PDB file of N, CA and C in Angstrom:
ATOM      1  N   MET A   1     -16.507  44.192 -13.291  1.00  0.00           N
ATOM      2  CA  MET A   1     -14.899  43.338 -13.457  1.00  0.00           C
ATOM      3  C   MET A   1     -14.692  43.332 -15.033  1.00  0.00           C
ATOM      4  N   GLY A   2     -15.269  44.122 -15.836  1.00  0.00           N
ATOM      5  CA  GLY A   2     -14.853  44.101 -16.991  1.00  0.00           C
ATOM      6  C   GLY A   2     -14.767  42.959 -17.683  1.00  0.00           C
ATOM      7  N   ILE A   3     -16.065  41.985 -17.659  1.00  0.00           N
ATOM      8  CA  ILE A   3     -16.202  40.998 -18.188  1.00  0.00           C
ATOM      9  C   ILE A   3     -17.955  40.990 -18.671  1.00  0.00           C
ATOM     10  N   GLY A   4     -18.264  40.854 -19.943  1.00  0.00           N
ATOM     11  CA  GLY A   4     -19.971  40.723 -20.169  1.00  0.00           C
ATOM     12  C   GLY A   4     -20.193  39.556 -19.629  1.00  0.00           C
ATOM     13  N   ARG A   5     -21.620  40.219 -19.409  1.00  0.00           N
ATOM     14  CA  ARG A   5     -22.273  39.020 -18.529  1.00  0.00           C
ATOM     15  C   ARG A   5     -22.518  37.667 -19.475  1.00  0.00           C
ATOM     16  N   THR A   6     -22.907  37.912 -20.812  1.00  0.00           N
ATOM     17  CA  THR A   6     -23.010  36.504 -21.595  1.00  0.00           C
ATOM     18  C   THR A   6     -21.758  35.669 -21.585  1.00  0.00           C
ATOM     19  N   THR A   7     -21.022  36.271 -21.431  1.00  0.00           N
ATOM     20  CA  THR A   7     -19.229  35.856 -21.306  1.00  0.00           C
ATOM     21  C   THR A   7     -19.157  35.175 -20.041  1.00  0.00           C
ATOM     22  N   LEU A   8     -19.651  35.842 -19.336  1.00  0.00           N
ATOM     23  CA  LEU A   8     -19.814  35.180 -17.396  1.00  0.00           C
ATOM     24  C   LEU A   8     -20.604  33.891 -17.686  1.00  0.00           C
ATOM     25  N   GLU A   9     -21.712  33.959 -18.106  1.00  0.00           N
ATOM     26  CA  GLU A   9     -22.774  32.841 -17.943  1.00  0.00           C
ATOM     27  C   GLU A   9     -22.279  31.553 -18.690  1.00  0.00           C
ATOM     28  N   SER A  10     -21.793  32.074 -19.980  1.00  0.00           N
ATOM     29  CA  SER A  10     -21.081  31.356 -20.959  1.00  0.00           C
ATOM     30  C   SER A  10     -19.886  30.268 -20.388  1.00  0.00           C
ATOM     31  N   TRP A  11     -19.438  30.579 -19.650  1.00  0.00           N
ATOM     32  CA  TRP A  11     -18.427  30.476 -18.497  1.00  0.00           C
ATOM     33  C   TRP A  11     -18.821  29.528 -17.662  1.00  0.00           C
ATOM     34  N   ILE A  12     -19.847  29.732 -16.490  1.00  0.00           N
ATOM     35  CA  ILE A  12     -20.785  29.328 -15.775  1.00  0.00           C
ATOM     36  C   ILE A  12     -21.088  27.782 -16.205  1.00  0.00           C
ATOM     37  N   ARG A  13     -22.118  27.944 -17.685  1.00  0.00           N
ATOM     38  CA  ARG A  13     -22.534  27.080 -17.862  1.00  0.00           C
ATOM     39  C   ARG A  13     -21.398  25.798 -18.510  1.00  0.00           C
ATOM     40  N   GLN A  14     -20.615  26.062 -19.198  1.00  0.00           N
ATOM     41  CA  GLN A  14     -19.419  25.406 -19.349  1.00  0.00           C
ATOM     42  C   GLN A  14     -18.540  24.558 -18.472  1.00  0.00           C
ATOM     43  N   LEU A  15     -18.552  25.369 -17.335  1.00  0.00           N
ATOM     44  CA  LEU A  15     -18.433  25.197 -16.290  1.00  0.00           C
ATOM     45  C   LEU A  15     -18.811  23.607 -15.542  1.00  0.00           C
ATOM     46  N   LYS A  16     -20.287  23.918 -15.914  1.00  0.00           N
ATOM     47  CA  LYS A  16     -21.216  22.886 -15.085  1.00  0.00           C
ATOM     48  C   LYS A  16     -21.102  21.698 -16.003  1.00  0.00           C
ATOM     49  N   VAL A  17     -21.174  21.967 -17.412  1.00  0.00           N
ATOM     50  CA  VAL A  17     -21.131  20.920 -18.097  1.00  0.00           C
ATOM     51  C   VAL A  17     -19.685  20.038 -17.784  1.00  0.00           C
ATOM     52  N   GLU A  18     -18.903  20.642 -17.712  1.00  0.00           N
ATOM     53  CA  GLU A  18     -17.288  19.360 -17.207  1.00  0.00           C
ATOM     54  C   GLU A  18     -17.680  19.029 -16.382  1.00  0.00           C
ATOM     55  N   ARG A  19     -18.213  19.660 -14.735  1.00  0.00           N
ATOM     56  CA  ARG A  19     -18.233  18.982 -13.929  1.00  0.00           C
ATOM     57  C   ARG A  19     -18.942  17.989 -13.573  1.00  0.00           C
ATOM     58  N   VAL A  20     -20.523  18.167 -14.965  1.00  0.00           N
ATOM     59  CA  VAL A  20     -21.329  16.649 -14.868  1.00  0.00           C
ATOM     60  C   VAL A  20     -20.064  15.667 -15.424  1.00  0.00           C
ATOM     61  N   ASP A  21     -19.826  15.841 -16.413  1.00  0.00           N
ATOM     62  CA  ASP A  21     -18.702  14.580 -17.495  1.00  0.00           C
ATOM     63  C   ASP A  21     -17.813  14.491 -16.478  1.00  0.00           C
ATOM     64  N   LYS A  22     -17.109  15.070 -15.428  1.00  0.00           N
ATOM     65  CA  LYS A  22     -16.394  14.060 -14.599  1.00  0.00           C
ATOM     66  C   LYS A  22     -16.610  13.942 -13.538  1.00  0.00           C
ATOM     67  N   ALA A  23     -18.037  14.024 -12.949  1.00  0.00           N
ATOM     68  CA  ALA A  23     -18.374  13.757 -11.437  1.00  0.00           C
ATOM     69  C   ALA A  23     -18.259  12.436 -11.482  1.00  0.00           C
ATOM     70  N   PRO A  24     -18.666  11.432 -12.149  1.00  0.00           N
ATOM     71  CA  PRO A  24     -18.964   9.479 -11.843  1.00  0.00           C
ATOM     72  C   PRO A  24     -17.844   9.433 -12.028  1.00  0.00           C
ATOM     73  N   ASN A  25     -16.561  10.117 -12.637  1.00  0.00           N
ATOM     74  CA  ASN A  25     -14.898   9.211 -12.514  1.00  0.00           C
ATOM     75  C   ASN A  25     -14.199  10.280 -11.572  1.00  0.00           C
ATOM     76  N   ALA A  26     -14.802  11.177 -11.259  1.00  0.00           N
ATOM     77  CA  ALA A  26     -14.176  11.757 -10.195  1.00  0.00           C
ATOM     78  C   ALA A  26     -13.534  11.130  -9.185  1.00  0.00           C
ATOM     79  N   SER A  27     -12.485  10.922  -8.139  1.00  0.00           N
ATOM     80  CA  SER A  27     -12.295  10.164  -7.329  1.00  0.00           C
ATOM     81  C   SER A  27     -12.759  11.073  -6.211  1.00  0.00           C
ATOM     82  N   PRO A  28     -13.257  10.629  -4.772  1.00  0.00           N
ATOM     83  CA  PRO A  28     -13.847  10.900  -3.882  1.00  0.00           C
ATOM     84  C   PRO A  28     -12.879  11.682  -2.991  1.00  0.00           C
ATOM     85  N   ARG A  29     -13.054  12.910  -2.235  1.00  0.00           N
ATOM     86  CA  ARG A  29     -12.318  13.451  -1.666  1.00  0.00           C
ATOM     87  C   ARG A  29     -11.802  13.081  -0.047  1.00  0.00           C
ATOM     88  N   ALA A  30     -13.252  12.746   0.286  1.00  0.00           N
ATOM     89  CA  ALA A  30     -13.232  12.473   1.925  1.00  0.00           C
ATOM     90  C   ALA A  30     -12.756  11.092   1.926  1.00  0.00           C
ATOM     91  N   PRO A  31     -11.876  10.821   3.082  1.00  0.00           N
ATOM     92  CA  PRO A  31     -11.637   9.483   3.495  1.00  0.00           C
ATOM     93  C   PRO A  31     -13.672   8.536   3.653  1.00  0.00           C
ATOM     94  N   GLU A  32     -13.931   8.821   3.943  1.00  0.00           N
ATOM     95  CA  GLU A  32     -15.745   8.211   3.965  1.00  0.00           C
ATOM     96  C   GLU A  32     -15.934   8.024   2.968  1.00  0.00           C
ATOM     97  N   GLN A  33     -15.960   8.695   1.788  1.00  0.00           N
ATOM     98  CA  GLN A  33     -16.304   8.575   0.610  1.00  0.00           C
ATOM     99  C   GLN A  33     -15.774   7.149  -0.159  1.00  0.00           C
ATOM    100  N   ARG A  34     -14.496   7.820   0.030  1.00  0.00           N
ATOM    101  CA  ARG A  34     -13.787   6.663  -0.558  1.00  0.00           C
ATOM    102  C   ARG A  34     -14.025   5.090   0.033  1.00  0.00           C
ATOM    103  N   GLU A  35     -14.104   5.326   1.553  1.00  0.00           N
ATOM    104  CA  GLU A  35     -14.679   3.402   2.151  1.00  0.00           C
ATOM    105  C   GLU A  35     -16.043   3.486   1.649  1.00  0.00           C
ATOM    106  N   ILE A  36     -16.963   4.326   1.100  1.00  0.00           N
ATOM    107  CA  ILE A  36     -18.479   3.880   0.693  1.00  0.00           C
ATOM    108  C   ILE A  36     -17.907   3.198  -0.586  1.00  0.00           C
ATOM    109  N   ARG A  37     -17.192   4.036  -1.163  1.00  0.00           N
ATOM    110  CA  ARG A  37     -16.834   3.648  -2.701  1.00  0.00           C
ATOM    111  C   ARG A  37     -16.208   2.272  -2.780  1.00  0.00           C
ATOM    112  N   ASP A  38     -15.296   2.233  -1.871  1.00  0.00           N
ATOM    113  CA  ASP A  38     -14.736   0.423  -1.767  1.00  0.00           C
ATOM    114  C   ASP A  38     -15.482  -0.343  -1.427  1.00  0.00           C
ATOM    115  N   LEU A  39     -16.107  -0.306  -0.165  1.00  0.00           N
ATOM    116  CA  LEU A  39     -17.167  -1.028   0.395  1.00  0.00           C
ATOM    117  C   LEU A  39     -18.323  -1.298  -1.033  1.00  0.00           C
ATOM    118  N   LYS A  40     -19.029  -0.311  -1.676  1.00  0.00           N
ATOM    119  CA  LYS A  40     -20.008  -0.914  -2.309  1.00  0.00           C
ATOM    120  C   LYS A  40     -19.109  -1.626  -3.804  1.00  0.00           C
ATOM    121  N   LYS A  41     -18.135  -1.529  -4.095  1.00  0.00           N
ATOM    122  CA  LYS A  41     -17.292  -2.534  -4.899  1.00  0.00           C
ATOM    123  C   LYS A  41     -16.946  -3.992  -4.423  1.00  0.00           C
ATOM    124  N   LYS A  42     -16.882  -3.882  -3.163  1.00  0.00           N
ATOM    125  CA  LYS A  42     -16.803  -5.235  -2.435  1.00  0.00           C
ATOM    126  C   LYS A  42     -17.831  -5.869  -2.498  1.00  0.00           C
ATOM    127  N   ILE A  43     -19.274  -5.528  -2.155  1.00  0.00           N
ATOM    128  CA  ILE A  43     -20.412  -5.985  -2.029  1.00  0.00           C
ATOM    129  C   ILE A  43     -20.880  -6.348  -3.441  1.00  0.00           C
ATOM    130  N   LYS A  44     -20.261  -5.614  -4.418  1.00  0.00           N
ATOM    131  CA  LYS A  44     -20.779  -5.764  -6.087  1.00  0.00           C
ATOM    132  C   LYS A  44     -20.594  -7.199  -6.271  1.00  0.00           C
ATOM    133  N   ARG A  45     -18.810  -7.045  -5.777  1.00  0.00           N
ATOM    134  CA  ARG A  45     -17.780  -8.232  -6.009  1.00  0.00           C
ATOM    135  C   ARG A  45     -18.374  -9.960  -5.548  1.00  0.00           C
ATOM    136  N   ILE A  46     -18.671  -9.235  -4.232  1.00  0.00           N
ATOM    137  CA  ILE A  46     -19.070 -10.738  -3.350  1.00  0.00           C
ATOM    138  C   ILE A  46     -20.489 -11.215  -3.265  1.00  0.00           C
ATOM    139  N   GLU A  47     -21.621 -10.391  -4.179  1.00  0.00           N
ATOM    140  CA  GLU A  47     -22.655 -10.344  -4.773  1.00  0.00           C
ATOM    141  C   GLU A  47     -22.436 -11.418  -5.906  1.00  0.00           C
ATOM    142  N   GLU A  48     -21.503 -11.071  -7.210  1.00  0.00           N
ATOM    143  CA  GLU A  48     -21.274 -11.968  -8.027  1.00  0.00           C
ATOM    144  C   GLU A  48     -20.788 -13.106  -7.890  1.00  0.00           C
ATOM    145  N   GLU A  49     -20.006 -13.416  -6.665  1.00  0.00           N
ATOM    146  CA  GLU A  49     -19.557 -14.729  -6.690  1.00  0.00           C
ATOM    147  C   GLU A  49     -20.571 -15.609  -5.942  1.00  0.00           C
ATOM    148  N   LYS A  50     -21.121 -14.952  -4.983  1.00  0.00           N
ATOM    149  CA  LYS A  50     -22.425 -15.671  -4.104  1.00  0.00           C
ATOM    150  C   LYS A  50     -23.272 -15.896  -5.992  1.00  0.00           C
ATOM    151  N   ASP A  51     -23.579 -15.057  -6.958  1.00  0.00           N
ATOM    152  CA  ASP A  51     -24.079 -15.830  -7.643  1.00  0.00           C
ATOM    153  C   ASP A  51     -23.613 -16.599  -8.206  1.00  0.00           C
ATOM    154  N   ILE A  52     -22.076 -16.436  -8.526  1.00  0.00           N
ATOM    155  CA  ILE A  52     -21.540 -18.144  -9.456  1.00  0.00           C
ATOM    156  C   ILE A  52     -21.748 -19.350  -8.587  1.00  0.00           C
ATOM    157  N   LEU A  53     -21.546 -19.340  -7.519  1.00  0.00           N
ATOM    158  CA  LEU A  53     -21.576 -20.185  -6.774  1.00  0.00           C
ATOM    159  C   LEU A  53     -23.060 -20.625  -6.647  1.00  0.00           C
ATOM    160  N   ASN A  54     -24.186 -19.962  -6.672  1.00  0.00           N
ATOM    161  CA  ASN A  54     -25.601 -20.564  -6.655  1.00  0.00           C
ATOM    162  C   ASN A  54     -25.417 -21.140  -8.011  1.00  0.00           C
ATOM    163  N   ARG A  55     -25.384 -20.333  -9.165  1.00  0.00           N
ATOM    164  CA  ARG A  55     -25.438 -21.324 -10.510  1.00  0.00           C
ATOM    165  C   ARG A  55     -24.920 -22.606 -10.435  1.00  0.00           C
ATOM    166  N   GLN A  56     -23.754 -22.393 -10.089  1.00  0.00           N
ATOM    167  CA  GLN A  56     -22.638 -23.979  -9.973  1.00  0.00           C
ATOM    168  C   GLN A  56     -23.488 -25.031  -8.766  1.00  0.00           C
ATOM    169  N   PHE A  57     -24.059 -24.738  -8.144  1.00  0.00           N
ATOM    170  CA  PHE A  57     -24.718 -25.418  -6.973  1.00  0.00           C
ATOM    171  C   PHE A  57     -25.781 -26.168  -7.523  1.00  0.00           C
ATOM    172  N   VAL A  58     -26.803 -25.139  -8.107  1.00  0.00           N
ATOM    173  CA  VAL A  58     -27.553 -25.762  -9.101  1.00  0.00           C
ATOM    174  C   VAL A  58     -27.494 -26.638 -10.145  1.00  0.00           C
ATOM    175  N   VAL A  59     -26.278 -26.504 -11.293  1.00  0.00           N
ATOM    176  CA  VAL A  59     -25.896 -27.550 -11.860  1.00  0.00           C
ATOM    177  C   VAL A  59     -25.607 -28.793 -11.438  1.00  0.00           C
ATOM    178  N   THR A  60     -24.719 -28.508 -10.381  1.00  0.00           N
ATOM    179  CA  THR A  60     -24.709 -30.153  -9.851  1.00  0.00           C
ATOM    180  C   THR A  60     -25.347 -30.832  -9.119  1.00  0.00           C
ATOM    181  N   GLU A  61     -26.791 -30.346  -8.949  1.00  0.00           N
ATOM    182  CA  GLU A  61     -27.698 -31.247  -7.903  1.00  0.00           C
ATOM    183  C   GLU A  61     -28.366 -31.839  -8.806  1.00  0.00           C
TER     184      GLU A  61
END
């Protein structure tokens, strides 16, 4: 290939680092993955709302 082994290994390591850094923020590609992400956000929001309502209920008792 005309590329030194060390250079190629360095590129591979760098690519792995870049992929790890981007993975949490990368948008899912499959529609199912997007739906799962959206549903998890919705569950979190609903749980937060429930907690707020529970705290208000305890305060008003």
